[in-house]
Amino acid sequence: MRLSSKEIVDVLGAAGEPTRLRILALLQRGEMAVLELCRVLDQSQPRVSRHLKLLAEARLVERFPDGAWVFYGLAGGGAARTLIREILSIADGEDPVLRRDARKLEDVTAERAAAAAAYFADNAAQWDQLRSLHVSDADVEAEIRAAAGPGRIERLVDLGSGTGRMLTLLGPRADQALGLDLSHQMLNIARRNVAEAGLEQVELRHGDIFDTRLEDGAADLVVVHQVLHYLGDPAAAVREAGRIVAPGGRLILVDFAPHALEALREQHQHRRLGFSDEEIDRWLADAGLPSVERRALPPARGEGLTVKIWAAARAPVSIRSAA
């Protein structure tokens, strides 16, 4: 996609103001809340919000409401973002204003990491309690590796990344990897885990599993790990996940088989108590992925949860149809 002369002028006009350029430089490093931007820029919320509004109108940034907070990030793609990246790439790294902003951002990032660690510690008992109901993580992850198939992964997308475990598991095999999650607390934990694993090719982004804003066929491996049972419309999530699977690519769904542990609705906010093969097969077929492999991992004790792994493949483009 290319920009018209008017669009180029609009982009340059939106970016061509000192505070707005500073905002774009900060958001290039990752999404930030409005109040975090105010702290780094040392400007009032109304003033920063006005600048963000102009940048959003020029489609240079995207707005993500999250409860009482609002987060912003650079626009997901397109020629305008390419132009902004080029502008920022020639900025002087020794510029005193940009260096000061970077130092303040480091302080904000450190506070985020501390808050994320506290959040994870506060909820660790819940995670451990749930894990105790099913087979070990190591056994599940071994099956996920097998379902992903051998060889390199060109483009991996993990929907509902949570703490980033699928990214650290499969990311070392990926040339590029993207994790999307609606929870900024979880994204902060995932960023820490991905950084500790040294996975520089992994990007984490605030995103909606029902509307990923990714192109059709954007990934050759898509993973949805222990997410569907929280959703009000899991079928829609499967359709969206299937949409972004490239020809020849695979979609891996990991969740629970049907069970009767009603306490999980209140204690762990589960909306669905597992999924049958029939409904998963139907959703995958509707998403254009009729070829399904299934793996079942029953619990060590009878009253626990069976973990199911459904791996579906999209047919590759044949030479005849491509011609």
C-alpha atoms as a PDB file:
ATOM      1  CA  MET A   1       0.000   0.000   0.000  1.00  0.00           C
ATOM      2  CA  ARG A   2       1.283   3.446  -0.962  1.00  0.00           C
ATOM      3  CA  LEU A   3       0.311   6.902   0.275  1.00  0.00           C
ATOM      4  CA  SER A   4      -0.973   9.765  -1.829  1.00  0.00           C
ATOM      5  CA  SER A   5       0.809  13.111  -1.624  1.00  0.00           C
ATOM      6  CA  LYS A   6      -1.986  14.431   0.619  1.00  0.00           C
ATOM      7  CA  GLU A   7      -1.708  11.428   2.934  1.00  0.00           C
ATOM      8  CA  ILE A   8       2.047  11.903   3.221  1.00  0.00           C
ATOM      9  CA  VAL A   9       1.534  15.561   4.126  1.00  0.00           C
ATOM     10  CA  ASP A  10      -1.100  14.573   6.712  1.00  0.00           C
ATOM     11  CA  VAL A  11       1.232  12.001   8.286  1.00  0.00           C
ATOM     12  CA  LEU A  12       4.147  14.407   8.394  1.00  0.00           C
ATOM     13  CA  GLY A  13       1.881  17.128   9.778  1.00  0.00           C
ATOM     14  CA  ALA A  14       0.650  14.885  12.583  1.00  0.00           C
ATOM     15  CA  ALA A  15       4.164  13.743  13.475  1.00  0.00           C
ATOM     16  CA  GLY A  16       5.816  17.110  12.888  1.00  0.00           C
ATOM     17  CA  GLU A  17       5.389  18.555  16.378  1.00  0.00           C
ATOM     18  CA  PRO A  18       7.902  18.056  19.210  1.00  0.00           C
ATOM     19  CA  THR A  19       5.597  16.350  21.729  1.00  0.00           C
ATOM     20  CA  ARG A  20       3.924  14.144  19.126  1.00  0.00           C
ATOM     21  CA  LEU A  21       7.290  13.032  17.786  1.00  0.00           C
ATOM     22  CA  ARG A  22       8.350  12.165  21.347  1.00  0.00           C
ATOM     23  CA  ILE A  23       5.145  10.154  21.788  1.00  0.00           C
ATOM     24  CA  LEU A  24       5.812   8.193  18.603  1.00  0.00           C
ATOM     25  CA  ALA A  25       9.388   7.492  19.697  1.00  0.00           C
ATOM     26  CA  LEU A  26       8.113   6.176  23.033  1.00  0.00           C
ATOM     27  CA  LEU A  27       5.369   4.040  21.499  1.00  0.00           C
ATOM     28  CA  GLN A  28       7.900   2.493  19.136  1.00  0.00           C
ATOM     29  CA  ARG A  29       9.275   0.796  22.267  1.00  0.00           C
ATOM     30  CA  GLY A  30       5.855  -0.638  23.217  1.00  0.00           C
ATOM     31  CA  GLU A  31       2.320   0.237  24.243  1.00  0.00           C
ATOM     32  CA  MET A  32       1.837   2.745  27.054  1.00  0.00           C
ATOM     33  CA  ALA A  33      -1.050   4.001  29.152  1.00  0.00           C
ATOM     34  CA  VAL A  34      -1.995   7.656  28.919  1.00  0.00           C
ATOM     35  CA  LEU A  35      -0.917   8.281  32.517  1.00  0.00           C
ATOM     36  CA  GLU A  36       2.451   6.645  31.813  1.00  0.00           C
ATOM     37  CA  LEU A  37       2.975   8.951  28.840  1.00  0.00           C
ATOM     38  CA  CYS A  38       2.080  11.916  31.038  1.00  0.00           C
ATOM     39  CA  ARG A  39       4.744  10.882  33.544  1.00  0.00           C
ATOM     40  CA  VAL A  40       7.465  10.452  30.945  1.00  0.00           C
ATOM     41  CA  LEU A  41       6.601  13.623  29.038  1.00  0.00           C
ATOM     42  CA  ASP A  42       5.936  15.620  32.228  1.00  0.00           C
ATOM     43  CA  GLN A  43       2.779  17.069  30.691  1.00  0.00           C
ATOM     44  CA  SER A  44      -0.853  17.186  31.775  1.00  0.00           C
ATOM     45  CA  GLN A  45      -3.322  14.495  30.798  1.00  0.00           C
ATOM     46  CA  PRO A  46      -5.557  16.841  28.738  1.00  0.00           C
ATOM     47  CA  ARG A  47      -2.557  18.034  26.729  1.00  0.00           C
ATOM     48  CA  VAL A  48      -1.218  14.534  26.087  1.00  0.00           C
ATOM     49  CA  SER A  49      -4.715  13.312  25.208  1.00  0.00           C
ATOM     50  CA  ARG A  50      -5.077  16.062  22.598  1.00  0.00           C
ATOM     51  CA  HIS A  51      -1.803  15.019  20.962  1.00  0.00           C
ATOM     52  CA  LEU A  52      -2.889  11.378  21.009  1.00  0.00           C
ATOM     53  CA  LYS A  53      -6.208  12.292  19.419  1.00  0.00           C
ATOM     54  CA  LEU A  54      -4.416  13.968  16.502  1.00  0.00           C
ATOM     55  CA  LEU A  55      -2.104  10.989  16.067  1.00  0.00           C
ATOM     56  CA  ALA A  56      -5.058   8.605  16.149  1.00  0.00           C
ATOM     57  CA  GLU A  57      -6.931  10.650  13.550  1.00  0.00           C
ATOM     58  CA  ALA A  58      -3.866  10.363  11.299  1.00  0.00           C
ATOM     59  CA  ARG A  59      -3.935   6.570  11.918  1.00  0.00           C
ATOM     60  CA  LEU A  60      -0.441   6.622  13.387  1.00  0.00           C
ATOM     61  CA  VAL A  61      -1.500   5.212  16.763  1.00  0.00           C
ATOM     62  CA  GLU A  62      -4.253   2.889  17.986  1.00  0.00           C
ATOM     63  CA  ARG A  63      -6.337   3.294  21.145  1.00  0.00           C
ATOM     64  CA  PHE A  64      -7.062   0.357  23.477  1.00  0.00           C
ATOM     65  CA  PRO A  65      -9.514   1.019  26.364  1.00  0.00           C
ATOM     66  CA  ASP A  66      -8.899  -1.327  29.278  1.00  0.00           C
ATOM     67  CA  GLY A  67     -11.277  -0.726  32.185  1.00  0.00           C
ATOM     68  CA  ALA A  68     -10.582   2.707  33.629  1.00  0.00           C
ATOM     69  CA  TRP A  69      -7.298   2.926  31.695  1.00  0.00           C
ATOM     70  CA  VAL A  70      -6.602   3.689  28.051  1.00  0.00           C
ATOM     71  CA  PHE A  71      -3.528   2.320  26.286  1.00  0.00           C
ATOM     72  CA  TYR A  72      -1.943   3.477  23.036  1.00  0.00           C
ATOM     73  CA  GLY A  73       0.407   1.781  20.590  1.00  0.00           C
ATOM     74  CA  LEU A  74       1.737   2.442  17.120  1.00  0.00           C
ATOM     75  CA  ALA A  75      -0.694   1.501  14.370  1.00  0.00           C
ATOM     76  CA  GLY A  76      -0.425  -2.150  13.435  1.00  0.00           C
ATOM     77  CA  GLY A  77       0.852  -1.694   9.907  1.00  0.00           C
ATOM     78  CA  GLY A  78       0.521   0.117   6.609  1.00  0.00           C
ATOM     79  CA  ALA A  79       2.511   2.676   4.715  1.00  0.00           C
ATOM     80  CA  ALA A  80       2.020   5.405   7.344  1.00  0.00           C
ATOM     81  CA  ARG A  81       3.710   3.286  10.016  1.00  0.00           C
ATOM     82  CA  THR A  82       6.538   2.475   7.587  1.00  0.00           C
ATOM     83  CA  LEU A  83       7.053   6.192   7.027  1.00  0.00           C
ATOM     84  CA  ILE A  84       7.114   6.899  10.761  1.00  0.00           C
ATOM     85  CA  ARG A  85       9.625   4.122  11.329  1.00  0.00           C
ATOM     86  CA  GLU A  86      11.872   5.664   8.688  1.00  0.00           C
ATOM     87  CA  ILE A  87      11.620   9.062  10.361  1.00  0.00           C
ATOM     88  CA  LEU A  88      12.423   7.642  13.788  1.00  0.00           C
ATOM     89  CA  SER A  89      15.320   5.592  12.380  1.00  0.00           C
ATOM     90  CA  ILE A  90      17.212   8.780  11.477  1.00  0.00           C
ATOM     91  CA  ALA A  91      16.602  10.481  14.842  1.00  0.00           C
ATOM     92  CA  ASP A  92      19.804  11.315  16.714  1.00  0.00           C
ATOM     93  CA  GLY A  93      20.253   8.739  19.458  1.00  0.00           C
ATOM     94  CA  GLU A  94      22.124  11.333  21.514  1.00  0.00           C
ATOM     95  CA  ASP A  95      19.316  13.880  21.374  1.00  0.00           C
ATOM     96  CA  PRO A  96      18.982  15.063  25.012  1.00  0.00           C
ATOM     97  CA  VAL A  97      15.175  15.147  24.988  1.00  0.00           C
ATOM     98  CA  LEU A  98      14.795  11.646  23.544  1.00  0.00           C
ATOM     99  CA  ARG A  99      17.479  10.290  25.881  1.00  0.00           C
ATOM    100  CA  ARG A 100      15.703  11.803  28.896  1.00  0.00           C
ATOM    101  CA  ASP A 101      12.416  10.268  27.746  1.00  0.00           C
ATOM    102  CA  ALA A 102      14.121   6.896  27.373  1.00  0.00           C
ATOM    103  CA  ARG A 103      15.487   7.074  30.932  1.00  0.00           C
ATOM    104  CA  LYS A 104      12.074   7.960  32.340  1.00  0.00           C
ATOM    105  CA  LEU A 105      10.533   5.119  30.355  1.00  0.00           C
ATOM    106  CA  GLU A 106      13.030   2.727  31.957  1.00  0.00           C
ATOM    107  CA  ASP A 107      11.731   3.820  35.371  1.00  0.00           C
ATOM    108  CA  VAL A 108       8.136   3.195  34.283  1.00  0.00           C
ATOM    109  CA  THR A 109       9.118  -0.195  32.839  1.00  0.00           C
ATOM    110  CA  ALA A 110      10.828  -1.184  36.095  1.00  0.00           C
ATOM    111  CA  GLU A 111       7.681  -0.297  38.032  1.00  0.00           C
ATOM    112  CA  ARG A 112       5.612  -2.354  35.594  1.00  0.00           C
ATOM    113  CA  ALA A 113       7.880  -5.372  36.095  1.00  0.00           C
ATOM    114  CA  ALA A 114       7.570  -5.105  39.869  1.00  0.00           C
ATOM    115  CA  ALA A 115       3.781  -4.821  39.645  1.00  0.00           C
ATOM    116  CA  ALA A 116       3.617  -7.781  37.254  1.00  0.00           C
ATOM    117  CA  ALA A 117       5.698  -9.920  39.594  1.00  0.00           C
ATOM    118  CA  ALA A 118       3.412  -9.013  42.511  1.00  0.00           C
ATOM    119  CA  TYR A 119       0.322  -9.798  40.417  1.00  0.00           C
ATOM    120  CA  PHE A 120       1.704 -13.188  39.442  1.00  0.00           C
ATOM    121  CA  ALA A 121       2.637 -13.939  43.054  1.00  0.00           C
ATOM    122  CA  ASP A 122      -0.848 -13.002  44.258  1.00  0.00           C
ATOM    123  CA  ASN A 123      -2.417 -15.364  41.709  1.00  0.00           C
ATOM    124  CA  ALA A 124       0.131 -18.169  41.835  1.00  0.00           C
ATOM    125  CA  ALA A 125      -2.032 -20.252  44.173  1.00  0.00           C
ATOM    126  CA  GLN A 126      -4.881 -20.163  41.661  1.00  0.00           C
ATOM    127  CA  TRP A 127      -2.656 -21.314  38.802  1.00  0.00           C
ATOM    128  CA  ASP A 128      -1.181 -24.125  40.877  1.00  0.00           C
ATOM    129  CA  GLN A 129      -4.615 -25.243  42.031  1.00  0.00           C
ATOM    130  CA  LEU A 130      -5.846 -25.498  38.449  1.00  0.00           C
ATOM    131  CA  ARG A 131      -2.705 -27.296  37.252  1.00  0.00           C
ATOM    132  CA  SER A 132      -3.163 -29.883  39.990  1.00  0.00           C
ATOM    133  CA  LEU A 133      -6.409 -30.956  38.301  1.00  0.00           C
ATOM    134  CA  HIS A 134      -4.807 -32.150  35.074  1.00  0.00           C
ATOM    135  CA  VAL A 135      -1.754 -33.833  33.617  1.00  0.00           C
ATOM    136  CA  SER A 136       1.647 -32.175  34.060  1.00  0.00           C
ATOM    137  CA  ASP A 137       2.610 -29.121  32.003  1.00  0.00           C
ATOM    138  CA  ALA A 138       5.637 -30.991  30.675  1.00  0.00           C
ATOM    139  CA  ASP A 139       3.428 -33.711  29.171  1.00  0.00           C
ATOM    140  CA  VAL A 140       1.071 -31.144  27.621  1.00  0.00           C
ATOM    141  CA  GLU A 141       3.953 -29.134  26.166  1.00  0.00           C
ATOM    142  CA  ALA A 142       5.566 -32.234  24.673  1.00  0.00           C
ATOM    143  CA  GLU A 143       2.306 -32.921  22.819  1.00  0.00           C
ATOM    144  CA  ILE A 144       2.076 -29.308  21.661  1.00  0.00           C
ATOM    145  CA  ARG A 145       5.595 -29.522  20.219  1.00  0.00           C
ATOM    146  CA  ALA A 146       4.585 -32.676  18.377  1.00  0.00           C
ATOM    147  CA  ALA A 147       1.394 -31.061  17.077  1.00  0.00           C
ATOM    148  CA  ALA A 148       3.387 -28.085  15.747  1.00  0.00           C
ATOM    149  CA  GLY A 149       5.343 -30.451  13.520  1.00  0.00           C
ATOM    150  CA  PRO A 150       9.060 -30.463  12.724  1.00  0.00           C
ATOM    151  CA  GLY A 151      11.219 -27.730  11.259  1.00  0.00           C
ATOM    152  CA  ARG A 152      11.308 -23.949  11.452  1.00  0.00           C
ATOM    153  CA  ILE A 153       8.234 -21.766  11.934  1.00  0.00           C
ATOM    154  CA  GLU A 154       8.274 -18.725   9.712  1.00  0.00           C
ATOM    155  CA  ARG A 155       5.562 -16.776  11.517  1.00  0.00           C
ATOM    156  CA  LEU A 156       4.024 -17.811  14.871  1.00  0.00           C
ATOM    157  CA  VAL A 157       0.957 -16.122  16.389  1.00  0.00           C
ATOM    158  CA  ASP A 158      -0.162 -16.911  19.945  1.00  0.00           C
ATOM    159  CA  LEU A 159      -3.689 -15.689  20.708  1.00  0.00           C
ATOM    160  CA  GLY A 160      -4.384 -15.068  24.385  1.00  0.00           C
ATOM    161  CA  SER A 161      -0.709 -15.302  25.291  1.00  0.00           C
ATOM    162  CA  GLY A 162      -1.167 -15.004  29.055  1.00  0.00           C
ATOM    163  CA  THR A 163       2.261 -15.330  30.661  1.00  0.00           C
ATOM    164  CA  GLY A 164       3.870 -16.106  27.295  1.00  0.00           C
ATOM    165  CA  ARG A 165       4.514 -19.797  27.865  1.00  0.00           C
ATOM    166  CA  MET A 166       3.652 -20.831  24.294  1.00  0.00           C
ATOM    167  CA  LEU A 167       5.995 -18.140  22.974  1.00  0.00           C
ATOM    168  CA  THR A 168       8.901 -19.336  25.098  1.00  0.00           C
ATOM    169  CA  LEU A 169       8.062 -22.938  24.155  1.00  0.00           C
ATOM    170  CA  LEU A 170       7.768 -22.487  20.381  1.00  0.00           C
ATOM    171  CA  GLY A 171       9.445 -19.107  19.891  1.00  0.00           C
ATOM    172  CA  PRO A 172      12.991 -20.510  19.570  1.00  0.00           C
ATOM    173  CA  ARG A 173      11.833 -22.283  16.380  1.00  0.00           C
ATOM    174  CA  ALA A 174      10.168 -19.171  14.924  1.00  0.00           C
ATOM    175  CA  ASP A 175      11.690 -16.560  12.635  1.00  0.00           C
ATOM    176  CA  GLN A 176       8.990 -14.148  13.825  1.00  0.00           C
ATOM    177  CA  ALA A 177       6.471 -14.490  16.635  1.00  0.00           C
ATOM    178  CA  LEU A 178       3.594 -12.355  17.871  1.00  0.00           C
ATOM    179  CA  GLY A 179       1.601 -12.735  21.078  1.00  0.00           C
ATOM    180  CA  LEU A 180      -1.741 -10.986  21.633  1.00  0.00           C
ATOM    181  CA  ASP A 181      -3.579 -10.597  24.934  1.00  0.00           C
ATOM    182  CA  LEU A 182      -6.197  -8.231  26.366  1.00  0.00           C
ATOM    183  CA  SER A 183      -4.644  -8.207  29.852  1.00  0.00           C
ATOM    184  CA  HIS A 184      -1.841  -5.709  30.254  1.00  0.00           C
ATOM    185  CA  GLN A 185      -0.824  -7.381  33.510  1.00  0.00           C
ATOM    186  CA  MET A 186      -0.364 -10.665  31.671  1.00  0.00           C
ATOM    187  CA  LEU A 187       1.446  -8.928  28.812  1.00  0.00           C
ATOM    188  CA  ASN A 188       3.893  -7.442  31.278  1.00  0.00           C
ATOM    189  CA  ILE A 189       4.573 -10.902  32.720  1.00  0.00           C
ATOM    190  CA  ALA A 190       4.949 -12.308  29.205  1.00  0.00           C
ATOM    191  CA  ARG A 191       7.375  -9.538  28.217  1.00  0.00           C
ATOM    192  CA  ARG A 192       9.526 -10.355  31.207  1.00  0.00           C
ATOM    193  CA  ASN A 193       9.492 -14.073  30.446  1.00  0.00           C
ATOM    194  CA  VAL A 194      10.240 -13.560  26.754  1.00  0.00           C
ATOM    195  CA  ALA A 195      13.096 -11.174  27.566  1.00  0.00           C
ATOM    196  CA  GLU A 196      14.585 -13.630  30.054  1.00  0.00           C
ATOM    197  CA  ALA A 197      14.444 -16.308  27.347  1.00  0.00           C
ATOM    198  CA  GLY A 198      16.395 -14.017  24.985  1.00  0.00           C
ATOM    199  CA  LEU A 199      13.715 -14.166  22.264  1.00  0.00           C
ATOM    200  CA  GLU A 200      14.278 -10.893  20.427  1.00  0.00           C
ATOM    201  CA  GLN A 201      12.123 -12.021  17.488  1.00  0.00           C
ATOM    202  CA  VAL A 202       9.016 -12.136  19.690  1.00  0.00           C
ATOM    203  CA  GLU A 203       6.620  -9.172  19.802  1.00  0.00           C
ATOM    204  CA  LEU A 204       3.860  -8.821  22.389  1.00  0.00           C
ATOM    205  CA  ARG A 205       0.878  -6.638  21.673  1.00  0.00           C
ATOM    206  CA  HIS A 206      -2.426  -5.733  23.265  1.00  0.00           C
ATOM    207  CA  GLY A 207      -5.022  -7.385  21.063  1.00  0.00           C
ATOM    208  CA  ASP A 208      -8.471  -8.922  20.875  1.00  0.00           C
ATOM    209  CA  ILE A 209      -8.775 -12.605  19.965  1.00  0.00           C
ATOM    210  CA  PHE A 210     -12.076 -11.801  18.216  1.00  0.00           C
ATOM    211  CA  ASP A 211     -10.544  -9.028  16.088  1.00  0.00           C
ATOM    212  CA  THR A 212      -6.790  -9.502  15.766  1.00  0.00           C
ATOM    213  CA  ARG A 213      -6.398  -6.893  12.987  1.00  0.00           C
ATOM    214  CA  LEU A 214      -3.992  -9.268  11.294  1.00  0.00           C
ATOM    215  CA  GLU A 215      -4.152 -10.012   7.582  1.00  0.00           C
ATOM    216  CA  ASP A 216      -5.672 -13.188   6.173  1.00  0.00           C
ATOM    217  CA  GLY A 217      -3.067 -15.947   6.207  1.00  0.00           C
ATOM    218  CA  ALA A 218      -0.722 -13.934   8.417  1.00  0.00           C
ATOM    219  CA  ALA A 219       0.833 -16.942  10.189  1.00  0.00           C
ATOM    220  CA  ASP A 220       1.914 -20.481   9.382  1.00  0.00           C
ATOM    221  CA  LEU A 221       1.297 -21.533  13.006  1.00  0.00           C
ATOM    222  CA  VAL A 222      -1.456 -20.134  15.251  1.00  0.00           C
ATOM    223  CA  VAL A 223      -1.847 -21.298  18.852  1.00  0.00           C
ATOM    224  CA  VAL A 224      -4.831 -20.788  21.196  1.00  0.00           C
ATOM    225  CA  HIS A 225      -3.775 -22.279  24.523  1.00  0.00           C
ATOM    226  CA  GLN A 226      -6.264 -22.608  27.406  1.00  0.00           C
ATOM    227  CA  VAL A 227      -8.286 -19.561  26.317  1.00  0.00           C
ATOM    228  CA  LEU A 228     -11.546 -20.787  24.791  1.00  0.00           C
ATOM    229  CA  HIS A 229     -13.187 -21.776  28.091  1.00  0.00           C
ATOM    230  CA  TYR A 230     -13.064 -18.140  29.271  1.00  0.00           C
ATOM    231  CA  LEU A 231     -14.856 -16.775  26.203  1.00  0.00           C
ATOM    232  CA  GLY A 232     -18.485 -15.944  25.607  1.00  0.00           C
ATOM    233  CA  ASP A 233     -18.230 -16.877  21.912  1.00  0.00           C
ATOM    234  CA  PRO A 234     -15.455 -19.445  21.449  1.00  0.00           C
ATOM    235  CA  ALA A 235     -16.683 -20.299  17.952  1.00  0.00           C
ATOM    236  CA  ALA A 236     -16.003 -16.739  16.830  1.00  0.00           C
ATOM    237  CA  ALA A 237     -12.507 -16.934  18.295  1.00  0.00           C
ATOM    238  CA  VAL A 238     -11.831 -20.137  16.342  1.00  0.00           C
ATOM    239  CA  ARG A 239     -13.073 -18.478  13.139  1.00  0.00           C
ATOM    240  CA  GLU A 240     -10.739 -15.532  13.660  1.00  0.00           C
ATOM    241  CA  ALA A 241      -7.805 -17.822  14.494  1.00  0.00           C
ATOM    242  CA  GLY A 242      -8.509 -19.883  11.387  1.00  0.00           C
ATOM    243  CA  ARG A 243      -8.691 -16.781   9.204  1.00  0.00           C
ATOM    244  CA  ILE A 244      -5.080 -15.876   9.890  1.00  0.00           C
ATOM    245  CA  VAL A 245      -3.704 -19.376   9.156  1.00  0.00           C
ATOM    246  CA  ALA A 246      -1.751 -19.324   5.892  1.00  0.00           C
ATOM    247  CA  PRO A 247      -2.111 -21.994   3.188  1.00  0.00           C
ATOM    248  CA  GLY A 248      -0.157 -25.000   4.394  1.00  0.00           C
ATOM    249  CA  GLY A 249      -0.235 -23.643   7.943  1.00  0.00           C
ATOM    250  CA  ARG A 250      -1.614 -25.085  11.180  1.00  0.00           C
ATOM    251  CA  LEU A 251      -3.889 -24.063  14.035  1.00  0.00           C
ATOM    252  CA  ILE A 252      -3.416 -25.650  17.466  1.00  0.00           C
ATOM    253  CA  LEU A 253      -6.223 -25.419  20.036  1.00  0.00           C
ATOM    254  CA  VAL A 254      -5.510 -26.534  23.601  1.00  0.00           C
ATOM    255  CA  ASP A 255      -8.325 -26.758  26.124  1.00  0.00           C
ATOM    256  CA  PHE A 256     -10.298 -29.158  28.297  1.00  0.00           C
ATOM    257  CA  ALA A 257     -12.585 -32.006  27.346  1.00  0.00           C
ATOM    258  CA  PRO A 258     -16.136 -31.701  28.772  1.00  0.00           C
ATOM    259  CA  HIS A 259     -16.168 -32.017  32.564  1.00  0.00           C
ATOM    260  CA  ALA A 260     -18.451 -31.369  35.550  1.00  0.00           C
ATOM    261  CA  LEU A 261     -16.259 -29.266  37.850  1.00  0.00           C
ATOM    262  CA  GLU A 262     -18.768 -26.447  38.360  1.00  0.00           C
ATOM    263  CA  ALA A 263     -16.523 -24.803  40.973  1.00  0.00           C
ATOM    264  CA  LEU A 264     -14.244 -23.629  38.167  1.00  0.00           C
ATOM    265  CA  ARG A 265     -16.900 -21.152  37.076  1.00  0.00           C
ATOM    266  CA  GLU A 266     -16.672 -19.209  40.339  1.00  0.00           C
ATOM    267  CA  GLN A 267     -13.118 -19.917  41.412  1.00  0.00           C
ATOM    268  CA  HIS A 268     -11.420 -19.503  38.025  1.00  0.00           C
ATOM    269  CA  GLN A 269     -13.960 -17.571  35.948  1.00  0.00           C
ATOM    270  CA  HIS A 270     -14.463 -20.425  33.471  1.00  0.00           C
ATOM    271  CA  ARG A 271     -17.486 -19.798  31.255  1.00  0.00           C
ATOM    272  CA  ARG A 272     -17.417 -23.180  29.523  1.00  0.00           C
ATOM    273  CA  LEU A 273     -16.719 -26.528  31.156  1.00  0.00           C
ATOM    274  CA  GLY A 274     -14.725 -28.023  28.307  1.00  0.00           C
ATOM    275  CA  PHE A 275     -15.429 -28.778  24.648  1.00  0.00           C
ATOM    276  CA  SER A 276     -16.438 -31.869  22.709  1.00  0.00           C
ATOM    277  CA  ASP A 277     -14.645 -33.063  19.588  1.00  0.00           C
ATOM    278  CA  GLU A 278     -17.876 -32.579  17.637  1.00  0.00           C
ATOM    279  CA  GLU A 279     -18.202 -28.867  18.328  1.00  0.00           C
ATOM    280  CA  ILE A 280     -14.487 -28.167  17.859  1.00  0.00           C
ATOM    281  CA  ASP A 281     -14.527 -30.094  14.565  1.00  0.00           C
ATOM    282  CA  ARG A 282     -17.546 -28.081  13.413  1.00  0.00           C
ATOM    283  CA  TRP A 283     -15.924 -24.759  14.284  1.00  0.00           C
ATOM    284  CA  LEU A 284     -12.695 -25.719  12.550  1.00  0.00           C
ATOM    285  CA  ALA A 285     -14.576 -26.840   9.444  1.00  0.00           C
ATOM    286  CA  ASP A 286     -16.429 -23.506   9.393  1.00  0.00           C
ATOM    287  CA  ALA A 287     -13.006 -21.808   9.548  1.00  0.00           C
ATOM    288  CA  GLY A 288     -11.837 -23.755   6.498  1.00  0.00           C
ATOM    289  CA  LEU A 289      -9.719 -26.222   8.481  1.00  0.00           C
ATOM    290  CA  PRO A 290     -11.429 -29.609   8.154  1.00  0.00           C
ATOM    291  CA  SER A 291      -8.313 -31.768   8.627  1.00  0.00           C
ATOM    292  CA  VAL A 292      -8.023 -32.296  12.393  1.00  0.00           C
ATOM    293  CA  GLU A 293      -5.665 -34.362  14.533  1.00  0.00           C
ATOM    294  CA  ARG A 294      -6.611 -34.945  18.182  1.00  0.00           C
ATOM    295  CA  ARG A 295      -4.609 -35.722  21.274  1.00  0.00           C
ATOM    296  CA  ALA A 296      -6.088 -36.435  24.722  1.00  0.00           C
ATOM    297  CA  LEU A 297      -4.150 -36.292  27.983  1.00  0.00           C
ATOM    298  CA  PRO A 298      -6.266 -37.689  30.846  1.00  0.00           C
ATOM    299  CA  PRO A 299      -5.531 -36.663  34.448  1.00  0.00           C
ATOM    300  CA  ALA A 300      -3.598 -38.798  36.879  1.00  0.00           C
ATOM    301  CA  ARG A 301      -6.750 -39.130  39.000  1.00  0.00           C
ATOM    302  CA  GLY A 302     -10.199 -39.850  37.682  1.00  0.00           C
ATOM    303  CA  GLU A 303     -12.026 -36.728  38.829  1.00  0.00           C
ATOM    304  CA  GLY A 304      -9.586 -34.310  37.208  1.00  0.00           C
ATOM    305  CA  LEU A 305      -9.497 -32.581  33.826  1.00  0.00           C
ATOM    306  CA  THR A 306      -8.580 -34.127  30.505  1.00  0.00           C
ATOM    307  CA  VAL A 307      -6.520 -31.777  28.349  1.00  0.00           C
ATOM    308  CA  LYS A 308      -7.341 -31.944  24.643  1.00  0.00           C
ATOM    309  CA  ILE A 309      -5.175 -30.754  21.773  1.00  0.00           C
ATOM    310  CA  TRP A 310      -6.763 -30.220  18.367  1.00  0.00           C
ATOM    311  CA  ALA A 311      -4.344 -29.554  15.489  1.00  0.00           C
ATOM    312  CA  ALA A 312      -5.902 -28.490  12.195  1.00  0.00           C
ATOM    313  CA  ALA A 313      -4.164 -27.824   8.884  1.00  0.00           C
ATOM    314  CA  ARG A 314      -5.102 -25.572   6.009  1.00  0.00           C
ATOM    315  CA  ALA A 315      -4.511 -27.092   2.576  1.00  0.00           C
ATOM    316  CA  PRO A 316      -1.502 -25.663   0.744  1.00  0.00           C
ATOM    317  CA  VAL A 317      -1.996 -23.733  -2.482  1.00  0.00           C
ATOM    318  CA  SER A 318      -1.471 -26.117  -5.385  1.00  0.00           C
ATOM    319  CA  ILE A 319       0.614 -25.087  -8.370  1.00  0.00           C
ATOM    320  CA  ARG A 320      -2.456 -25.500 -10.620  1.00  0.00           C
ATOM    321  CA  SER A 321      -4.724 -23.291  -8.472  1.00  0.00           C
ATOM    322  CA  ALA A 322      -1.953 -20.714  -8.028  1.00  0.00           C
ATOM    323  CA  ALA A 323      -1.591 -20.480 -11.778  1.00  0.00           C
END
